[in-house]
Amino acid sequence: VHSGEDSEFGEGLLDSIQVPLRLIGSKDDDFVSSIIV
């Protein structure tokens, strides 16, 4: 996105890239540590 390679890849190519995402809302530090591990 930021190194100028967008033009190398072609107009709008990066707009077609989708990335799997897991978004977890938690204030439990122990649970967060277990997720990290």
ModelCIF file with pLDDT and N, C-alpha, C, O atoms, coordinates in Angstrom:
data_MODEL
#
_entry.id   MODEL 
#
_entity.id                         1 
_entity.type                       polymer 
_entity.pdbx_number_of_molecules   1 
#
_entity_poly.entity_id                      1 
_entity_poly.type                           'polypeptide(L)' 
_entity_poly.nstd_linkage                   no 
_entity_poly.nstd_monomer                   no 
_entity_poly.pdbx_seq_one_letter_code       VHSGEDSEFGEGLLDSIQVPLRLIGSKDDDFVSSIIV 
_entity_poly.pdbx_seq_one_letter_code_can   VHSGEDSEFGEGLLDSIQVPLRLIGSKDDDFVSSIIV 
_entity_poly.pdbx_strand_id                 A 
#
loop_
_entity_poly_seq.entity_id 
_entity_poly_seq.num 
_entity_poly_seq.mon_id 
_entity_poly_seq.hetero 
1 1  VAL n 
1 2  HIS n 
1 3  SER n 
1 4  GLY n 
1 5  GLU n 
1 6  ASP n 
1 7  SER n 
1 8  GLU n 
1 9  PHE n 
1 10 GLY n 
1 11 GLU n 
1 12 GLY n 
1 13 LEU n 
1 14 LEU n 
1 15 ASP n 
1 16 SER n 
1 17 ILE n 
1 18 GLN n 
1 19 VAL n 
1 20 PRO n 
1 21 LEU n 
1 22 ARG n 
1 23 LEU n 
1 24 ILE n 
1 25 GLY n 
1 26 SER n 
1 27 LYS n 
1 28 ASP n 
1 29 ASP n 
1 30 ASP n 
1 31 PHE n 
1 32 VAL n 
1 33 SER n 
1 34 SER n 
1 35 ILE n 
1 36 ILE n 
1 37 VAL n 
#
_struct_asym.id          A 
_struct_asym.entity_id   1 
#
loop_
_ma_qa_metric.id 
_ma_qa_metric.mode 
_ma_qa_metric.name 
_ma_qa_metric.software_group_id 
_ma_qa_metric.type 
1 global pLDDT . pLDDT 
2 local  pLDDT . pLDDT 
#
_ma_qa_metric_global.metric_id      1 
_ma_qa_metric_global.metric_value   73.16 
_ma_qa_metric_global.model_id       1 
_ma_qa_metric_global.ordinal_id     1 
#
loop_
_ma_qa_metric_local.label_asym_id 
_ma_qa_metric_local.label_comp_id 
_ma_qa_metric_local.label_seq_id 
_ma_qa_metric_local.metric_id 
_ma_qa_metric_local.metric_value 
_ma_qa_metric_local.model_id 
_ma_qa_metric_local.ordinal_id 
A VAL 1  2 72.00 1 1  
A HIS 2  2 69.00 1 2  
A SER 3  2 61.00 1 3  
A GLY 4  2 54.00 1 4  
A GLU 5  2 50.00 1 5  
A ASP 6  2 47.00 1 6  
A SER 7  2 44.00 1 7  
A GLU 8  2 51.00 1 8  
A PHE 9  2 48.00 1 9  
A GLY 10 2 44.00 1 10 
A GLU 11 2 45.00 1 11 
A GLY 12 2 60.00 1 12 
A LEU 13 2 61.00 1 13 
A LEU 14 2 66.00 1 14 
A ASP 15 2 74.00 1 15 
A SER 16 2 80.00 1 16 
A ILE 17 2 85.00 1 17 
A GLN 18 2 89.00 1 18 
A VAL 19 2 90.00 1 19 
A PRO 20 2 93.00 1 20 
A LEU 21 2 93.00 1 21 
A ARG 22 2 94.00 1 22 
A LEU 23 2 95.00 1 23 
A ILE 24 2 95.00 1 24 
A GLY 25 2 94.00 1 25 
A SER 26 2 92.00 1 26 
A LYS 27 2 87.00 1 27 
A ASP 28 2 84.00 1 28 
A ASP 29 2 75.00 1 29 
A ASP 30 2 76.00 1 30 
A PHE 31 2 83.00 1 31 
A VAL 32 2 80.00 1 32 
A SER 33 2 74.00 1 33 
A SER 34 2 77.00 1 34 
A ILE 35 2 80.00 1 35 
A ILE 36 2 75.00 1 36 
A VAL 37 2 70.00 1 37 
#
loop_
_atom_site.group_PDB 
_atom_site.id 
_atom_site.type_symbol 
_atom_site.label_atom_id 
_atom_site.label_alt_id 
_atom_site.label_comp_id 
_atom_site.label_asym_id 
_atom_site.label_entity_id 
_atom_site.label_seq_id 
_atom_site.pdbx_PDB_ins_code 
_atom_site.Cartn_x 
_atom_site.Cartn_y 
_atom_site.Cartn_z 
_atom_site.occupancy 
_atom_site.B_iso_or_equiv 
_atom_site.pdbx_formal_charge 
_atom_site.auth_seq_id 
_atom_site.auth_comp_id 
_atom_site.auth_asym_id 
_atom_site.auth_atom_id 
_atom_site.pdbx_PDB_model_num 
ATOM 1   N N  . VAL A 1 1  ? 0.815   -1.213  0.000   1.00 72.00 ? 1  VAL A N  1 
ATOM 2   C CA . VAL A 1 1  ? 0.000   0.000   0.000   1.00 72.00 ? 1  VAL A CA 1 
ATOM 3   C C  . VAL A 1 1  ? 0.845   1.258   0.000   1.00 72.00 ? 1  VAL A C  1 
ATOM 4   O O  . VAL A 1 1  ? 0.496   2.237   -0.660  1.00 72.00 ? 1  VAL A O  1 
ATOM 5   N N  . HIS A 1 2  ? 1.973   1.249   0.743   1.00 69.00 ? 2  HIS A N  1 
ATOM 6   C CA . HIS A 1 2  ? 2.715   2.488   0.979   1.00 69.00 ? 2  HIS A CA 1 
ATOM 7   C C  . HIS A 1 2  ? 4.101   2.556   0.340   1.00 69.00 ? 2  HIS A C  1 
ATOM 8   O O  . HIS A 1 2  ? 4.791   3.566   0.483   1.00 69.00 ? 2  HIS A O  1 
ATOM 9   N N  . SER A 1 3  ? 4.519   1.510   -0.356  1.00 61.00 ? 3  SER A N  1 
ATOM 10  C CA . SER A 1 3  ? 5.856   1.561   -0.950  1.00 61.00 ? 3  SER A CA 1 
ATOM 11  C C  . SER A 1 3  ? 5.834   1.940   -2.421  1.00 61.00 ? 3  SER A C  1 
ATOM 12  O O  . SER A 1 3  ? 6.870   1.930   -3.087  1.00 61.00 ? 3  SER A O  1 
ATOM 13  N N  . GLY A 1 4  ? 4.655   2.274   -2.926  1.00 54.00 ? 4  GLY A N  1 
ATOM 14  C CA . GLY A 1 4  ? 4.576   2.645   -4.340  1.00 54.00 ? 4  GLY A CA 1 
ATOM 15  C C  . GLY A 1 4  ? 4.361   1.454   -5.247  1.00 54.00 ? 4  GLY A C  1 
ATOM 16  O O  . GLY A 1 4  ? 4.370   1.589   -6.470  1.00 54.00 ? 4  GLY A O  1 
ATOM 17  N N  . GLU A 1 5  ? 4.168   0.280   -4.650  1.00 50.00 ? 5  GLU A N  1 
ATOM 18  C CA . GLU A 1 5  ? 4.002   -0.905  -5.481  1.00 50.00 ? 5  GLU A CA 1 
ATOM 19  C C  . GLU A 1 5  ? 2.598   -1.009  -6.065  1.00 50.00 ? 5  GLU A C  1 
ATOM 20  O O  . GLU A 1 5  ? 2.339   -1.837  -6.939  1.00 50.00 ? 5  GLU A O  1 
ATOM 21  N N  . ASP A 1 6  ? 1.688   -0.159  -5.572  1.00 47.00 ? 6  ASP A N  1 
ATOM 22  C CA . ASP A 1 6  ? 0.331   -0.198  -6.087  1.00 47.00 ? 6  ASP A CA 1 
ATOM 23  C C  . ASP A 1 6  ? 0.307   -0.002  -7.593  1.00 47.00 ? 6  ASP A C  1 
ATOM 24  O O  . ASP A 1 6  ? -0.409  -0.700  -8.310  1.00 47.00 ? 6  ASP A O  1 
ATOM 25  N N  . SER A 1 7  ? 1.113   0.975   -8.076  1.00 44.00 ? 7  SER A N  1 
ATOM 26  C CA . SER A 1 7  ? 1.148   1.231   -9.515  1.00 44.00 ? 7  SER A CA 1 
ATOM 27  C C  . SER A 1 7  ? 1.755   0.051   -10.259 1.00 44.00 ? 7  SER A C  1 
ATOM 28  O O  . SER A 1 7  ? 1.381   -0.249  -11.393 1.00 44.00 ? 7  SER A O  1 
ATOM 29  N N  . GLU A 1 8  ? 2.691   -0.608  -9.603  1.00 51.00 ? 8  GLU A N  1 
ATOM 30  C CA . GLU A 1 8  ? 3.323   -1.777  -10.227 1.00 51.00 ? 8  GLU A CA 1 
ATOM 31  C C  . GLU A 1 8  ? 2.310   -2.902  -10.392 1.00 51.00 ? 8  GLU A C  1 
ATOM 32  O O  . GLU A 1 8  ? 2.333   -3.631  -11.383 1.00 51.00 ? 8  GLU A O  1 
ATOM 33  N N  . PHE A 1 9  ? 1.416   -3.038  -9.409  1.00 48.00 ? 9  PHE A N  1 
ATOM 34  C CA . PHE A 1 9  ? 0.447   -4.122  -9.439  1.00 48.00 ? 9  PHE A CA 1 
ATOM 35  C C  . PHE A 1 9  ? -0.744  -3.813  -10.353 1.00 48.00 ? 9  PHE A C  1 
ATOM 36  O O  . PHE A 1 9  ? -1.478  -4.714  -10.759 1.00 48.00 ? 9  PHE A O  1 
ATOM 37  N N  . GLY A 1 10 ? -0.921  -2.543  -10.664 1.00 44.00 ? 10 GLY A N  1 
ATOM 38  C CA . GLY A 1 10 ? -2.034  -2.200  -11.534 1.00 44.00 ? 10 GLY A CA 1 
ATOM 39  C C  . GLY A 1 10 ? -3.103  -1.410  -10.803 1.00 44.00 ? 10 GLY A C  1 
ATOM 40  O O  . GLY A 1 10 ? -3.278  -1.565  -9.595  1.00 44.00 ? 10 GLY A O  1 
ATOM 41  N N  . GLU A 1 11 ? -3.804  -0.582  -11.516 1.00 45.00 ? 11 GLU A N  1 
ATOM 42  C CA . GLU A 1 11 ? -4.836  0.279   -10.944 1.00 45.00 ? 11 GLU A CA 1 
ATOM 43  C C  . GLU A 1 11 ? -5.897  -0.537  -10.208 1.00 45.00 ? 11 GLU A C  1 
ATOM 44  O O  . GLU A 1 11 ? -6.539  -1.415  -10.784 1.00 45.00 ? 11 GLU A O  1 
ATOM 45  N N  . GLY A 1 12 ? -6.062  -0.231  -8.936  1.00 60.00 ? 12 GLY A N  1 
ATOM 46  C CA . GLY A 1 12 ? -7.129  -0.851  -8.153  1.00 60.00 ? 12 GLY A CA 1 
ATOM 47  C C  . GLY A 1 12 ? -6.892  -2.278  -7.735  1.00 60.00 ? 12 GLY A C  1 
ATOM 48  O O  . GLY A 1 12 ? -7.784  -2.900  -7.159  1.00 60.00 ? 12 GLY A O  1 
ATOM 49  N N  . LEU A 1 13 ? -5.694  -2.833  -8.011  1.00 61.00 ? 13 LEU A N  1 
ATOM 50  C CA . LEU A 1 13 ? -5.469  -4.234  -7.663  1.00 61.00 ? 13 LEU A CA 1 
ATOM 51  C C  . LEU A 1 13 ? -5.583  -4.458  -6.164  1.00 61.00 ? 13 LEU A C  1 
ATOM 52  O O  . LEU A 1 13 ? -6.198  -5.429  -5.725  1.00 61.00 ? 13 LEU A O  1 
ATOM 53  N N  . LEU A 1 14 ? -4.989  -3.558  -5.370  1.00 66.00 ? 14 LEU A N  1 
ATOM 54  C CA . LEU A 1 14 ? -5.026  -3.740  -3.930  1.00 66.00 ? 14 LEU A CA 1 
ATOM 55  C C  . LEU A 1 14 ? -6.439  -3.655  -3.381  1.00 66.00 ? 14 LEU A C  1 
ATOM 56  O O  . LEU A 1 14 ? -6.731  -4.222  -2.329  1.00 66.00 ? 14 LEU A O  1 
ATOM 57  N N  . ASP A 1 15 ? -7.317  -2.952  -4.085  1.00 74.00 ? 15 ASP A N  1 
ATOM 58  C CA . ASP A 1 15 ? -8.706  -2.863  -3.625  1.00 74.00 ? 15 ASP A CA 1 
ATOM 59  C C  . ASP A 1 15 ? -9.405  -4.219  -3.701  1.00 74.00 ? 15 ASP A C  1 
ATOM 60  O O  . ASP A 1 15 ? -10.437 -4.429  -3.064  1.00 74.00 ? 15 ASP A O  1 
ATOM 61  N N  . SER A 1 16 ? -8.840  -5.132  -4.479  1.00 80.00 ? 16 SER A N  1 
ATOM 62  C CA . SER A 1 16 ? -9.462  -6.454  -4.604  1.00 80.00 ? 16 SER A CA 1 
ATOM 63  C C  . SER A 1 16 ? -8.953  -7.434  -3.559  1.00 80.00 ? 16 SER A C  1 
ATOM 64  O O  . SER A 1 16 ? -9.475  -8.543  -3.441  1.00 80.00 ? 16 SER A O  1 
ATOM 65  N N  . ILE A 1 17 ? -7.922  -7.027  -2.787  1.00 85.00 ? 17 ILE A N  1 
ATOM 66  C CA . ILE A 1 17 ? -7.349  -7.925  -1.784  1.00 85.00 ? 17 ILE A CA 1 
ATOM 67  C C  . ILE A 1 17 ? -8.194  -7.896  -0.517  1.00 85.00 ? 17 ILE A C  1 
ATOM 68  O O  . ILE A 1 17 ? -8.468  -6.830  0.036   1.00 85.00 ? 17 ILE A O  1 
ATOM 69  N N  . GLN A 1 18 ? -8.598  -9.062  -0.070  1.00 89.00 ? 18 GLN A N  1 
ATOM 70  C CA . GLN A 1 18 ? -9.316  -9.217  1.194   1.00 89.00 ? 18 GLN A CA 1 
ATOM 71  C C  . GLN A 1 18 ? -8.466  -10.083 2.128   1.00 89.00 ? 18 GLN A C  1 
ATOM 72  O O  . GLN A 1 18 ? -7.821  -11.038 1.695   1.00 89.00 ? 18 GLN A O  1 
ATOM 73  N N  . VAL A 1 19 ? -8.477  -9.735  3.404   1.00 90.00 ? 19 VAL A N  1 
ATOM 74  C CA . VAL A 1 19 ? -7.655  -10.433 4.390   1.00 90.00 ? 19 VAL A CA 1 
ATOM 75  C C  . VAL A 1 19 ? -8.540  -10.998 5.494   1.00 90.00 ? 19 VAL A C  1 
ATOM 76  O O  . VAL A 1 19 ? -9.359  -10.266 6.050   1.00 90.00 ? 19 VAL A O  1 
ATOM 77  N N  . PRO A 1 20 ? -8.396  -12.288 5.829   1.00 93.00 ? 20 PRO A N  1 
ATOM 78  C CA . PRO A 1 20 ? -9.183  -12.852 6.932   1.00 93.00 ? 20 PRO A CA 1 
ATOM 79  C C  . PRO A 1 20 ? -8.890  -12.110 8.237   1.00 93.00 ? 20 PRO A C  1 
ATOM 80  O O  . PRO A 1 20 ? -7.735  -11.802 8.531   1.00 93.00 ? 20 PRO A O  1 
ATOM 81  N N  . LEU A 1 21 ? -9.921  -11.828 9.010   1.00 93.00 ? 21 LEU A N  1 
ATOM 82  C CA . LEU A 1 21 ? -9.764  -11.073 10.254  1.00 93.00 ? 21 LEU A CA 1 
ATOM 83  C C  . LEU A 1 21 ? -10.626 -11.671 11.354  1.00 93.00 ? 21 LEU A C  1 
ATOM 84  O O  . LEU A 1 21 ? -11.810 -11.951 11.163  1.00 93.00 ? 21 LEU A O  1 
ATOM 85  N N  . ARG A 1 22 ? -10.000 -11.856 12.508  1.00 94.00 ? 22 ARG A N  1 
ATOM 86  C CA . ARG A 1 22 ? -10.744 -12.179 13.731  1.00 94.00 ? 22 ARG A CA 1 
ATOM 87  C C  . ARG A 1 22 ? -10.618 -10.982 14.662  1.00 94.00 ? 22 ARG A C  1 
ATOM 88  O O  . ARG A 1 22 ? -9.506  -10.570 14.994  1.00 94.00 ? 22 ARG A O  1 
ATOM 89  N N  . LEU A 1 23 ? -11.726 -10.432 15.080  1.00 95.00 ? 23 LEU A N  1 
ATOM 90  C CA . LEU A 1 23 ? -11.752 -9.267  15.968  1.00 95.00 ? 23 LEU A CA 1 
ATOM 91  C C  . LEU A 1 23 ? -12.412 -9.670  17.279  1.00 95.00 ? 23 LEU A C  1 
ATOM 92  O O  . LEU A 1 23 ? -13.586 -10.039 17.303  1.00 95.00 ? 23 LEU A O  1 
ATOM 93  N N  . ILE A 1 24 ? -11.653 -9.597  18.370  1.00 95.00 ? 24 ILE A N  1 
ATOM 94  C CA . ILE A 1 24 ? -12.135 -10.088 19.667  1.00 95.00 ? 24 ILE A CA 1 
ATOM 95  C C  . ILE A 1 24 ? -12.106 -8.944  20.673  1.00 95.00 ? 24 ILE A C  1 
ATOM 96  O O  . ILE A 1 24 ? -11.070 -8.303  20.857  1.00 95.00 ? 24 ILE A O  1 
ATOM 97  N N  . GLY A 1 25 ? -13.218 -8.689  21.314  1.00 94.00 ? 25 GLY A N  1 
ATOM 98  C CA . GLY A 1 25 ? -13.293 -7.676  22.354  1.00 94.00 ? 25 GLY A CA 1 
ATOM 99  C C  . GLY A 1 25 ? -13.233 -8.316  23.726  1.00 94.00 ? 25 GLY A C  1 
ATOM 100 O O  . GLY A 1 25 ? -14.149 -9.037  24.122  1.00 94.00 ? 25 GLY A O  1 
ATOM 101 N N  . SER A 1 26 ? -12.143 -8.052  24.461  1.00 92.00 ? 26 SER A N  1 
ATOM 102 C CA . SER A 1 26 ? -11.976 -8.662  25.782  1.00 92.00 ? 26 SER A CA 1 
ATOM 103 C C  . SER A 1 26 ? -11.109 -7.782  26.667  1.00 92.00 ? 26 SER A C  1 
ATOM 104 O O  . SER A 1 26 ? -10.121 -7.205  26.214  1.00 92.00 ? 26 SER A O  1 
ATOM 105 N N  . LYS A 1 27 ? -11.496 -7.687  27.945  1.00 87.00 ? 27 LYS A N  1 
ATOM 106 C CA . LYS A 1 27 ? -10.696 -6.970  28.936  1.00 87.00 ? 27 LYS A CA 1 
ATOM 107 C C  . LYS A 1 27 ? -10.001 -7.925  29.898  1.00 87.00 ? 27 LYS A C  1 
ATOM 108 O O  . LYS A 1 27 ? -9.348  -7.493  30.847  1.00 87.00 ? 27 LYS A O  1 
ATOM 109 N N  . ASP A 1 28 ? -10.142 -9.218  29.650  1.00 84.00 ? 28 ASP A N  1 
ATOM 110 C CA . ASP A 1 28 ? -9.577  -10.254 30.517  1.00 84.00 ? 28 ASP A CA 1 
ATOM 111 C C  . ASP A 1 28 ? -8.136  -10.531 30.078  1.00 84.00 ? 28 ASP A C  1 
ATOM 112 O O  . ASP A 1 28 ? -7.913  -11.156 29.041  1.00 84.00 ? 28 ASP A O  1 
ATOM 113 N N  . ASP A 1 29 ? -7.154  -10.064 30.869  1.00 75.00 ? 29 ASP A N  1 
ATOM 114 C CA . ASP A 1 29 ? -5.749  -10.195 30.479  1.00 75.00 ? 29 ASP A CA 1 
ATOM 115 C C  . ASP A 1 29 ? -5.310  -11.654 30.379  1.00 75.00 ? 29 ASP A C  1 
ATOM 116 O O  . ASP A 1 29 ? -4.509  -12.002 29.512  1.00 75.00 ? 29 ASP A O  1 
ATOM 117 N N  . ASP A 1 30 ? -5.829  -12.508 31.259  1.00 76.00 ? 30 ASP A N  1 
ATOM 118 C CA . ASP A 1 30 ? -5.473  -13.923 31.190  1.00 76.00 ? 30 ASP A CA 1 
ATOM 119 C C  . ASP A 1 30 ? -5.974  -14.540 29.885  1.00 76.00 ? 30 ASP A C  1 
ATOM 120 O O  . ASP A 1 30 ? -5.267  -15.317 29.242  1.00 76.00 ? 30 ASP A O  1 
ATOM 121 N N  . PHE A 1 31 ? -7.181  -14.192 29.509  1.00 83.00 ? 31 PHE A N  1 
ATOM 122 C CA . PHE A 1 31 ? -7.746  -14.729 28.271  1.00 83.00 ? 31 PHE A CA 1 
ATOM 123 C C  . PHE A 1 31 ? -6.973  -14.214 27.057  1.00 83.00 ? 31 PHE A C  1 
ATOM 124 O O  . PHE A 1 31 ? -6.713  -14.956 26.110  1.00 83.00 ? 31 PHE A O  1 
ATOM 125 N N  . VAL A 1 32 ? -6.612  -12.932 27.103  1.00 80.00 ? 32 VAL A N  1 
ATOM 126 C CA . VAL A 1 32 ? -5.827  -12.359 26.005  1.00 80.00 ? 32 VAL A CA 1 
ATOM 127 C C  . VAL A 1 32 ? -4.483  -13.067 25.885  1.00 80.00 ? 32 VAL A C  1 
ATOM 128 O O  . VAL A 1 32 ? -4.035  -13.371 24.779  1.00 80.00 ? 32 VAL A O  1 
ATOM 129 N N  . SER A 1 33 ? -3.833  -13.334 27.035  1.00 74.00 ? 33 SER A N  1 
ATOM 130 C CA . SER A 1 33 ? -2.551  -14.049 27.004  1.00 74.00 ? 33 SER A CA 1 
ATOM 131 C C  . SER A 1 33 ? -2.720  -15.438 26.400  1.00 74.00 ? 33 SER A C  1 
ATOM 132 O O  . SER A 1 33 ? -1.859  -15.901 25.652  1.00 74.00 ? 33 SER A O  1 
ATOM 133 N N  . SER A 1 34 ? -3.828  -16.105 26.724  1.00 77.00 ? 34 SER A N  1 
ATOM 134 C CA . SER A 1 34 ? -4.057  -17.451 26.174  1.00 77.00 ? 34 SER A CA 1 
ATOM 135 C C  . SER A 1 34 ? -4.286  -17.389 24.667  1.00 77.00 ? 34 SER A C  1 
ATOM 136 O O  . SER A 1 34 ? -3.912  -18.311 23.942  1.00 77.00 ? 34 SER A O  1 
ATOM 137 N N  . ILE A 1 35 ? -4.905  -16.295 24.190  1.00 80.00 ? 35 ILE A N  1 
ATOM 138 C CA . ILE A 1 35 ? -5.088  -16.117 22.741  1.00 80.00 ? 35 ILE A CA 1 
ATOM 139 C C  . ILE A 1 35 ? -3.737  -15.943 22.063  1.00 80.00 ? 35 ILE A C  1 
ATOM 140 O O  . ILE A 1 35 ? -3.484  -16.517 21.004  1.00 80.00 ? 35 ILE A O  1 
ATOM 141 N N  . ILE A 1 36 ? -2.878  -15.151 22.680  1.00 75.00 ? 36 ILE A N  1 
ATOM 142 C CA . ILE A 1 36 ? -1.544  -14.918 22.112  1.00 75.00 ? 36 ILE A CA 1 
ATOM 143 C C  . ILE A 1 36 ? -0.787  -16.218 21.974  1.00 75.00 ? 36 ILE A C  1 
ATOM 144 O O  . ILE A 1 36 ? -0.198  -16.491 20.929  1.00 75.00 ? 36 ILE A O  1 
ATOM 145 N N  . VAL A 1 37 ? -0.798  -17.026 23.028  1.00 70.00 ? 37 VAL A N  1 
ATOM 146 C CA . VAL A 1 37 ? -0.098  -18.310 22.984  1.00 70.00 ? 37 VAL A CA 1 
ATOM 147 C C  . VAL A 1 37 ? -0.741  -19.226 21.951  1.00 70.00 ? 37 VAL A C  1 
ATOM 148 O O  . VAL A 1 37 ? -0.292  -20.357 21.765  1.00 70.00 ? 37 VAL A O  1 
#
